[in-house]
C-alpha atoms as a PDB file:
ATOM      1  CA  UNK A   1      -0.098  -0.025  -0.125  1.00  0.00           C
ATOM      2  CA  UNK A   2       1.213   3.643  -1.018  1.00  0.00           C
ATOM      3  CA  UNK A   3       2.614   5.828   2.079  1.00  0.00           C
ATOM      4  CA  UNK A   4       1.433   8.870  -0.276  1.00  0.00           C
ATOM      5  CA  UNK A   5      -0.855  11.269   1.307  1.00  0.00           C
ATOM      6  CA  UNK A   6      -4.375  11.249  -0.112  1.00  0.00           C
ATOM      7  CA  UNK A   7      -5.542  15.245  -0.534  1.00  0.00           C
ATOM      8  CA  UNK A   8      -8.938  15.885  -2.007  1.00  0.00           C
ATOM      9  CA  UNK A   9      -9.430  19.497  -3.157  1.00  0.00           C
ATOM     10  CA  UNK A  10     -13.057  20.054  -3.182  1.00  0.00           C
ATOM     11  CA  UNK A  11     -15.046  23.236  -4.528  1.00  0.00           C
ATOM     12  CA  UNK A  12     -19.428  23.652  -4.540  1.00  0.00           C
ATOM     13  CA  UNK A  13     -18.858  25.691  -7.929  1.00  0.00           C
ATOM     14  CA  UNK A  14     -22.029  27.882  -9.314  1.00  0.00           C
ATOM     15  CA  UNK A  15     -19.668  30.502 -10.990  1.00  0.00           C
ATOM     16  CA  UNK A  16     -19.752  32.745 -14.307  1.00  0.00           C
ATOM     17  CA  UNK A  17     -17.940  31.207 -17.253  1.00  0.00           C
ATOM     18  CA  UNK A  18     -15.102  33.538 -17.533  1.00  0.00           C
ATOM     19  CA  UNK A  19     -14.100  33.629 -13.528  1.00  0.00           C
ATOM     20  CA  UNK A  20     -14.262  29.616 -13.635  1.00  0.00           C
ATOM     21  CA  UNK A  21     -12.042  29.510 -16.158  1.00  0.00           C
ATOM     22  CA  UNK A  22      -9.366  31.348 -14.168  1.00  0.00           C
ATOM     23  CA  UNK A  23     -10.493  29.319 -11.490  1.00  0.00           C
ATOM     24  CA  UNK A  24      -9.859  25.928 -12.946  1.00  0.00           C
ATOM     25  CA  UNK A  25      -6.688  27.132 -14.305  1.00  0.00           C
ATOM     26  CA  UNK A  26      -5.363  28.056 -11.163  1.00  0.00           C
ATOM     27  CA  UNK A  27      -6.192  25.020  -9.684  1.00  0.00           C
ATOM     28  CA  UNK A  28      -4.743  22.442 -12.596  1.00  0.00           C
ATOM     29  CA  UNK A  29      -1.262  24.103 -11.728  1.00  0.00           C
ATOM     30  CA  UNK A  30      -1.921  23.101  -8.183  1.00  0.00           C
ATOM     31  CA  UNK A  31       2.180  21.138  -7.663  1.00  0.00           C
ATOM     32  CA  UNK A  32       1.757  18.950  -4.134  1.00  0.00           C
ATOM     33  CA  UNK A  33       4.360  16.778  -3.682  1.00  0.00           C
ATOM     34  CA  UNK A  34       4.473  12.817  -3.189  1.00  0.00           C
ATOM     35  CA  UNK A  35       0.467  12.942  -2.561  1.00  0.00           C
ATOM     36  CA  UNK A  36      -2.007  11.097  -4.114  1.00  0.00           C
ATOM     37  CA  UNK A  37      -4.765  14.412  -5.526  1.00  0.00           C
ATOM     38  CA  UNK A  38      -8.126  14.122  -6.177  1.00  0.00           C
ATOM     39  CA  UNK A  39     -10.776  16.911  -7.430  1.00  0.00           C
ATOM     40  CA  UNK A  40     -14.559  16.679  -6.277  1.00  0.00           C
ATOM     41  CA  UNK A  41     -16.417  19.429  -7.661  1.00  0.00           C
ATOM     42  CA  UNK A  42     -20.182  19.949  -7.331  1.00  0.00           C
ATOM     43  CA  UNK A  43     -21.855  20.935 -10.289  1.00  0.00           C
ATOM     44  CA  UNK A  44     -23.928  24.068  -8.607  1.00  0.00           C
ATOM     45  CA  UNK A  45     -23.497  26.197 -11.815  1.00  0.00           C
ATOM     46  CA  UNK A  46     -27.100  28.385 -13.527  1.00  0.00           C
ATOM     47  CA  UNK A  47     -25.418  28.506 -16.871  1.00  0.00           C
ATOM     48  CA  UNK A  48     -24.843  25.423 -19.444  1.00  0.00           C
ATOM     49  CA  UNK A  49     -21.464  26.639 -20.686  1.00  0.00           C
ATOM     50  CA  UNK A  50     -20.194  27.006 -16.569  1.00  0.00           C
ATOM     51  CA  UNK A  51     -21.022  23.447 -16.183  1.00  0.00           C
ATOM     52  CA  UNK A  52     -19.531  22.602 -19.700  1.00  0.00           C
ATOM     53  CA  UNK A  53     -16.486  24.243 -18.917  1.00  0.00           C
ATOM     54  CA  UNK A  54     -16.195  22.383 -15.429  1.00  0.00           C
ATOM     55  CA  UNK A  55     -16.296  18.593 -17.722  1.00  0.00           C
ATOM     56  CA  UNK A  56     -14.426  19.652 -20.063  1.00  0.00           C
ATOM     57  CA  UNK A  57     -11.441  21.094 -18.507  1.00  0.00           C
ATOM     58  CA  UNK A  58      -8.386  18.655 -18.055  1.00  0.00           C
ATOM     59  CA  UNK A  59      -7.206  18.790 -14.141  1.00  0.00           C
ATOM     60  CA  UNK A  60      -4.046  17.194 -14.147  1.00  0.00           C
ATOM     61  CA  UNK A  61      -5.365  14.937 -11.943  1.00  0.00           C
ATOM     62  CA  UNK A  62      -8.207  12.484 -11.222  1.00  0.00           C
ATOM     63  CA  UNK A  63     -11.683  14.204 -10.995  1.00  0.00           C
ATOM     64  CA  UNK A  64     -15.540  13.660  -9.904  1.00  0.00           C
ATOM     65  CA  UNK A  65     -18.139  15.842 -10.449  1.00  0.00           C
ATOM     66  CA  UNK A  66     -21.453  15.655  -8.796  1.00  0.00           C
ATOM     67  CA  UNK A  67     -24.463  17.525 -10.152  1.00  0.00           C
ATOM     68  CA  UNK A  68     -26.020  19.311  -7.044  1.00  0.00           C
ATOM     69  CA  UNK A  69     -29.796  18.688  -6.697  1.00  0.00           C
ATOM     70  CA  UNK A  70     -32.566  21.375  -8.790  1.00  0.00           C
ATOM     71  CA  UNK A  71     -32.265  24.608  -6.746  1.00  0.00           C
ATOM     72  CA  UNK A  72     -35.511  26.528  -5.827  1.00  0.00           C
ATOM     73  CA  UNK A  73     -33.914  30.227  -5.933  1.00  0.00           C
ATOM     74  CA  UNK A  74     -31.747  31.662  -8.266  1.00  0.00           C
ATOM     75  CA  UNK A  75     -27.847  33.113  -6.577  1.00  0.00           C
ATOM     76  CA  UNK A  76     -27.853  36.509  -8.280  1.00  0.00           C
ATOM     77  CA  UNK A  77     -24.255  38.183  -8.412  1.00  0.00           C
ATOM     78  CA  UNK A  78     -23.539  41.794  -9.791  1.00  0.00           C
ATOM     79  CA  UNK A  79     -20.773  44.362  -9.845  1.00  0.00           C
ATOM     80  CA  UNK A  80     -22.134  45.327  -5.991  1.00  0.00           C
ATOM     81  CA  UNK A  81     -22.669  42.303  -4.256  1.00  0.00           C
ATOM     82  CA  UNK A  82     -23.332  38.563  -4.145  1.00  0.00           C
ATOM     83  CA  UNK A  83     -27.090  38.346  -2.788  1.00  0.00           C
ATOM     84  CA  UNK A  84     -27.522  35.786  -0.300  1.00  0.00           C
ATOM     85  CA  UNK A  85     -30.852  34.511   1.666  1.00  0.00           C
ATOM     86  CA  UNK A  86     -31.075  31.810   4.372  1.00  0.00           C
ATOM     87  CA  UNK A  87     -32.064  28.796   1.808  1.00  0.00           C
ATOM     88  CA  UNK A  88     -29.071  29.677  -0.289  1.00  0.00           C
ATOM     89  CA  UNK A  89     -27.112  29.661   2.812  1.00  0.00           C
ATOM     90  CA  UNK A  90     -28.275  26.514   3.593  1.00  0.00           C
ATOM     91  CA  UNK A  91     -27.693  25.060   0.196  1.00  0.00           C
ATOM     92  CA  UNK A  92     -24.070  25.603   0.288  1.00  0.00           C
ATOM     93  CA  UNK A  93     -23.629  23.919   3.782  1.00  0.00           C
ATOM     94  CA  UNK A  94     -25.405  20.829   2.656  1.00  0.00           C
ATOM     95  CA  UNK A  95     -23.097  20.850  -0.293  1.00  0.00           C
ATOM     96  CA  UNK A  96     -20.084  21.181   1.322  1.00  0.00           C
ATOM     97  CA  UNK A  97     -20.867  18.594   3.918  1.00  0.00           C
ATOM     98  CA  UNK A  98     -21.374  16.468   0.848  1.00  0.00           C
ATOM     99  CA  UNK A  99     -17.452  16.989   0.276  1.00  0.00           C
ATOM    100  CA  UNK A 100     -17.390  16.260   3.468  1.00  0.00           C
ATOM    101  CA  UNK A 101     -18.879  12.908   3.743  1.00  0.00           C
ATOM    102  CA  UNK A 102     -16.794  12.177   0.288  1.00  0.00           C
ATOM    103  CA  UNK A 103     -13.345  12.731   2.124  1.00  0.00           C
ATOM    104  CA  UNK A 104     -14.404  10.684   5.354  1.00  0.00           C
ATOM    105  CA  UNK A 105     -15.622   7.571   3.349  1.00  0.00           C
ATOM    106  CA  UNK A 106     -12.455   7.543   0.946  1.00  0.00           C
ATOM    107  CA  UNK A 107     -10.057   7.863   3.598  1.00  0.00           C
ATOM    108  CA  UNK A 108      -8.323  10.872   2.525  1.00  0.00           C
ATOM    109  CA  UNK A 109      -6.166  12.611   4.788  1.00  0.00           C
ATOM    110  CA  UNK A 110      -6.572  15.971   3.922  1.00  0.00           C
ATOM    111  CA  UNK A 111      -9.228  18.466   2.137  1.00  0.00           C
ATOM    112  CA  UNK A 112      -8.582  21.361   0.556  1.00  0.00           C
ATOM    113  CA  UNK A 113     -11.756  23.781   0.434  1.00  0.00           C
ATOM    114  CA  UNK A 114     -11.309  26.377  -2.205  1.00  0.00           C
ATOM    115  CA  UNK A 115     -13.734  28.739  -3.496  1.00  0.00           C
ATOM    116  CA  UNK A 116     -14.536  28.713  -7.221  1.00  0.00           C
ATOM    117  CA  UNK A 117     -13.701  32.716  -7.385  1.00  0.00           C
ATOM    118  CA  UNK A 118      -9.892  32.136  -6.366  1.00  0.00           C
ATOM    119  CA  UNK A 119      -6.328  32.012  -7.407  1.00  0.00           C
ATOM    120  CA  UNK A 120      -3.413  30.083  -5.558  1.00  0.00           C
ATOM    121  CA  UNK A 121      -0.136  29.757  -5.646  1.00  0.00           C
ATOM    122  CA  UNK A 122       0.811  26.387  -7.271  1.00  0.00           C
ATOM    123  CA  UNK A 123       2.779  25.437  -4.235  1.00  0.00           C
ATOM    124  CA  UNK A 124       0.225  26.700  -1.812  1.00  0.00           C
ATOM    125  CA  UNK A 125      -1.543  23.344  -0.717  1.00  0.00           C
ATOM    126  CA  UNK A 126       2.249  22.064   0.262  1.00  0.00           C
ATOM    127  CA  UNK A 127       2.652  24.706   2.252  1.00  0.00           C
ATOM    128  CA  UNK A 128      -0.408  24.085   4.106  1.00  0.00           C
ATOM    129  CA  UNK A 129       0.794  20.654   4.939  1.00  0.00           C
ATOM    130  CA  UNK A 130       4.019  21.702   6.392  1.00  0.00           C
ATOM    131  CA  UNK A 131       2.759  24.190   8.925  1.00  0.00           C
ATOM    132  CA  UNK A 132       0.774  20.864  10.741  1.00  0.00           C
ATOM    133  CA  UNK A 133      -2.656  22.341  11.357  1.00  0.00           C
ATOM    134  CA  UNK A 134      -5.538  20.438  11.572  1.00  0.00           C
ATOM    135  CA  UNK A 135      -7.660  23.948  10.381  1.00  0.00           C
ATOM    136  CA  UNK A 136      -6.183  26.306   8.767  1.00  0.00           C
ATOM    137  CA  UNK A 137      -6.433  28.867   5.704  1.00  0.00           C
ATOM    138  CA  UNK A 138      -4.746  31.126   3.126  1.00  0.00           C
ATOM    139  CA  UNK A 139      -5.801  34.824   3.896  1.00  0.00           C
ATOM    140  CA  UNK A 140      -7.236  36.589   0.601  1.00  0.00           C
ATOM    141  CA  UNK A 141      -8.555  40.346   0.567  1.00  0.00           C
ATOM    142  CA  UNK A 142     -11.781  41.417  -0.630  1.00  0.00           C
ATOM    143  CA  UNK A 143     -13.743  44.977  -1.437  1.00  0.00           C
ATOM    144  CA  UNK A 144     -16.940  43.472  -0.529  1.00  0.00           C
ATOM    145  CA  UNK A 145     -18.530  46.673  -1.363  1.00  0.00           C
ATOM    146  CA  UNK A 146     -17.148  49.038  -4.844  1.00  0.00           C
ATOM    147  CA  UNK A 147     -14.936  51.605  -3.138  1.00  0.00           C
ATOM    148  CA  UNK A 148     -14.640  50.344   0.209  1.00  0.00           C
ATOM    149  CA  UNK A 149     -11.294  48.825   1.691  1.00  0.00           C
ATOM    150  CA  UNK A 150     -10.297  45.290   1.381  1.00  0.00           C
ATOM    151  CA  UNK A 151     -10.788  42.861   4.106  1.00  0.00           C
ATOM    152  CA  UNK A 152      -9.470  39.305   5.019  1.00  0.00           C
ATOM    153  CA  UNK A 153     -11.231  35.860   4.751  1.00  0.00           C
ATOM    154  CA  UNK A 154     -10.841  35.866   8.524  1.00  0.00           C
ATOM    155  CA  UNK A 155     -11.867  37.497  11.493  1.00  0.00           C
ATOM    156  CA  UNK A 156     -11.815  37.130  15.598  1.00  0.00           C
ATOM    157  CA  UNK A 157     -14.892  37.147  17.050  1.00  0.00           C
ATOM    158  CA  UNK A 158     -18.351  36.311  16.378  1.00  0.00           C
ATOM    159  CA  UNK A 159     -19.832  37.013  12.762  1.00  0.00           C
ATOM    160  CA  UNK A 160     -17.157  39.443  11.575  1.00  0.00           C
ATOM    161  CA  UNK A 161     -15.480  41.154  14.322  1.00  0.00           C
ATOM    162  CA  UNK A 162     -11.772  42.359  13.942  1.00  0.00           C
ATOM    163  CA  UNK A 163     -11.530  42.967  17.788  1.00  0.00           C
ATOM    164  CA  UNK A 164     -13.420  42.018  20.922  1.00  0.00           C
ATOM    165  CA  UNK A 165     -16.721  43.520  20.174  1.00  0.00           C
ATOM    166  CA  UNK A 166     -16.773  44.778  24.500  1.00  0.00           C
ATOM    167  CA  UNK A 167     -13.582  47.190  23.837  1.00  0.00           C
ATOM    168  CA  UNK A 168     -14.454  50.411  24.052  1.00  0.00           C
ATOM    169  CA  UNK A 169     -14.792  52.256  20.350  1.00  0.00           C
ATOM    170  CA  UNK A 170     -11.931  53.956  20.607  1.00  0.00           C
ATOM    171  CA  UNK A 171      -9.730  51.016  21.876  1.00  0.00           C
ATOM    172  CA  UNK A 172     -11.739  48.492  19.323  1.00  0.00           C
ATOM    173  CA  UNK A 173     -10.802  50.391  16.049  1.00  0.00           C
ATOM    174  CA  UNK A 174      -7.068  50.378  17.056  1.00  0.00           C
ATOM    175  CA  UNK A 175      -7.087  47.053  18.048  1.00  0.00           C
ATOM    176  CA  UNK A 176      -8.657  46.225  14.689  1.00  0.00           C
ATOM    177  CA  UNK A 177      -6.326  48.068  12.952  1.00  0.00           C
ATOM    178  CA  UNK A 178      -3.571  46.312  14.497  1.00  0.00           C
ATOM    179  CA  UNK A 179      -5.249  43.106  14.113  1.00  0.00           C
ATOM    180  CA  UNK A 180      -5.631  43.512  10.236  1.00  0.00           C
ATOM    181  CA  UNK A 181      -1.943  45.298   9.562  1.00  0.00           C
ATOM    182  CA  UNK A 182      -0.544  42.282  11.271  1.00  0.00           C
ATOM    183  CA  UNK A 183      -2.183  40.276   8.791  1.00  0.00           C
ATOM    184  CA  UNK A 184      -0.331  41.923   5.707  1.00  0.00           C
ATOM    185  CA  UNK A 185       3.157  40.615   7.112  1.00  0.00           C
ATOM    186  CA  UNK A 186       3.789  37.294   6.188  1.00  0.00           C
ATOM    187  CA  UNK A 187       3.060  34.449   9.144  1.00  0.00           C
ATOM    188  CA  UNK A 188       0.959  32.225  10.607  1.00  0.00           C
ATOM    189  CA  UNK A 189      -2.007  33.363  12.820  1.00  0.00           C
ATOM    190  CA  UNK A 190      -4.264  32.047  15.059  1.00  0.00           C
ATOM    191  CA  UNK A 191      -8.060  33.569  14.253  1.00  0.00           C
ATOM    192  CA  UNK A 192     -11.351  32.963  15.631  1.00  0.00           C
ATOM    193  CA  UNK A 193     -12.998  32.496  11.889  1.00  0.00           C
ATOM    194  CA  UNK A 194     -11.841  31.814   8.479  1.00  0.00           C
ATOM    195  CA  UNK A 195     -12.980  30.345   5.217  1.00  0.00           C
ATOM    196  CA  UNK A 196     -13.059  29.642   1.493  1.00  0.00           C
ATOM    197  CA  UNK A 197      -9.677  28.505   1.052  1.00  0.00           C
ATOM    198  CA  UNK A 198      -8.838  26.131   3.776  1.00  0.00           C
ATOM    199  CA  UNK A 199      -6.339  22.691   4.374  1.00  0.00           C
ATOM    200  CA  UNK A 200      -8.371  20.305   6.778  1.00  0.00           C
ATOM    201  CA  UNK A 201      -6.916  17.196   8.338  1.00  0.00           C
ATOM    202  CA  UNK A 202      -9.654  14.495   8.298  1.00  0.00           C
ATOM    203  CA  UNK A 203      -8.812  12.965  11.343  1.00  0.00           C
ATOM    204  CA  UNK A 204     -10.418  16.638  12.505  1.00  0.00           C
ATOM    205  CA  UNK A 205     -13.593  16.147   9.824  1.00  0.00           C
ATOM    206  CA  UNK A 206     -14.233  12.967  11.470  1.00  0.00           C
ATOM    207  CA  UNK A 207     -14.459  14.146  15.151  1.00  0.00           C
ATOM    208  CA  UNK A 208     -17.898  15.875  13.938  1.00  0.00           C
ATOM    209  CA  UNK A 209     -16.742  18.870  11.908  1.00  0.00           C
ATOM    210  CA  UNK A 210     -19.253  20.547   9.535  1.00  0.00           C
ATOM    211  CA  UNK A 211     -21.022  23.459   8.044  1.00  0.00           C
ATOM    212  CA  UNK A 212     -24.539  22.396   9.716  1.00  0.00           C
ATOM    213  CA  UNK A 213     -26.494  25.231  11.307  1.00  0.00           C
ATOM    214  CA  UNK A 214     -26.175  25.109  15.208  1.00  0.00           C
ATOM    215  CA  UNK A 215     -29.899  25.368  16.417  1.00  0.00           C
ATOM    216  CA  UNK A 216     -29.048  28.055  19.201  1.00  0.00           C
ATOM    217  CA  UNK A 217     -26.776  30.675  17.438  1.00  0.00           C
ATOM    218  CA  UNK A 218     -27.717  33.443  15.194  1.00  0.00           C
ATOM    219  CA  UNK A 219     -24.674  34.214  13.881  1.00  0.00           C
ATOM    220  CA  UNK A 220     -25.515  33.572   9.944  1.00  0.00           C
ATOM    221  CA  UNK A 221     -23.141  31.502   7.224  1.00  0.00           C
ATOM    222  CA  UNK A 222     -21.790  28.297   6.984  1.00  0.00           C
ATOM    223  CA  UNK A 223     -18.298  29.286   7.319  1.00  0.00           C
ATOM    224  CA  UNK A 224     -19.220  30.979  10.854  1.00  0.00           C
ATOM    225  CA  UNK A 225     -21.104  27.592  12.070  1.00  0.00           C
ATOM    226  CA  UNK A 226     -17.991  25.424  11.022  1.00  0.00           C
ATOM    227  CA  UNK A 227     -15.559  27.535  13.070  1.00  0.00           C
ATOM    228  CA  UNK A 228     -17.945  27.670  16.473  1.00  0.00           C
ATOM    229  CA  UNK A 229     -18.577  24.140  15.867  1.00  0.00           C
ATOM    230  CA  UNK A 230     -14.297  23.829  15.459  1.00  0.00           C
ATOM    231  CA  UNK A 231     -13.689  25.893  18.723  1.00  0.00           C
ATOM    232  CA  UNK A 232     -16.169  23.815  20.555  1.00  0.00           C
ATOM    233  CA  UNK A 233     -14.419  20.736  19.758  1.00  0.00           C
ATOM    234  CA  UNK A 234     -11.254  22.168  20.527  1.00  0.00           C
ATOM    235  CA  UNK A 235      -9.918  22.902  17.396  1.00  0.00           C
ATOM    236  CA  UNK A 236      -7.663  26.217  17.228  1.00  0.00           C
ATOM    237  CA  UNK A 237      -8.073  27.701  13.828  1.00  0.00           C
ATOM    238  CA  UNK A 238      -5.117  29.690  11.911  1.00  0.00           C
ATOM    239  CA  UNK A 239      -4.611  31.578   8.502  1.00  0.00           C
ATOM    240  CA  UNK A 240      -1.414  31.694   6.720  1.00  0.00           C
ATOM    241  CA  UNK A 241      -0.112  34.904   4.997  1.00  0.00           C
ATOM    242  CA  UNK A 242       2.867  33.752   3.068  1.00  0.00           C
ATOM    243  CA  UNK A 243       0.762  33.370  -0.223  1.00  0.00           C
ATOM    244  CA  UNK A 244      -2.119  35.299  -0.634  1.00  0.00           C
ATOM    245  CA  UNK A 245      -4.855  33.877  -2.924  1.00  0.00           C
ATOM    246  CA  UNK A 246      -6.132  36.343  -5.133  1.00  0.00           C
ATOM    247  CA  UNK A 247     -10.328  36.744  -4.685  1.00  0.00           C
ATOM    248  CA  UNK A 248     -11.645  37.239  -8.113  1.00  0.00           C
ATOM    249  CA  UNK A 249     -15.393  38.732  -6.558  1.00  0.00           C
ATOM    250  CA  UNK A 250     -16.654  40.530  -9.372  1.00  0.00           C
ATOM    251  CA  UNK A 251     -16.095  39.633 -13.368  1.00  0.00           C
ATOM    252  CA  UNK A 252     -14.570  43.104 -13.475  1.00  0.00           C
ATOM    253  CA  UNK A 253     -12.017  41.862 -11.233  1.00  0.00           C
ATOM    254  CA  UNK A 254     -11.240  38.968 -13.778  1.00  0.00           C
ATOM    255  CA  UNK A 255      -9.807  41.920 -16.460  1.00  0.00           C
END
């Protein structure tokens, strides 16, 4: 039997064709040394051409595509923002849990979750594995609204707080600014929440990590549910900032 690490790269894909093409090109260039790599894509696309691109792109590694169940509501993306509601978030959580279950059932060693609008360094997965963390994300920065300051895919508290909410306003602003400045320096930092570009050990997933909602928590979003569950189970969350990913949040970002 091979002693090579087995790595599953998983993504639930609902994407514009031009963004998807760039994502797949970046993903197929991933270079993982001395490991068995498989891709698992869940095809949740709303445009047929995106589904065709997903099927027809040779990833260079084994690729499995699972067709998502029929959707009840359209996912609307504009140049201003992405429009989410509870049903869409629950759908994404369900699809991500399918990927987790597959990783566990097929006895992979690591699951690398990546959103289909990210571009990453070819050596990123090797680098993240070398950090020997159960849960570690690579940082990326996004202007969530046009003209706003880019913010990271990680946070410290609650839904998306960069400093403790109990601090006085003046102290909280200073603390948040210090945290954001620190994230711009290459390093590995412990955080309270993360998502979208994350390496997870399958041993940790077997302990009960998933994206399902938590009935007595009002914070919204599958990444929050995952991170709260991780903290309760005793797992620390980390972000690496050596190889920031590029986020193609809008079609204009591709250009």
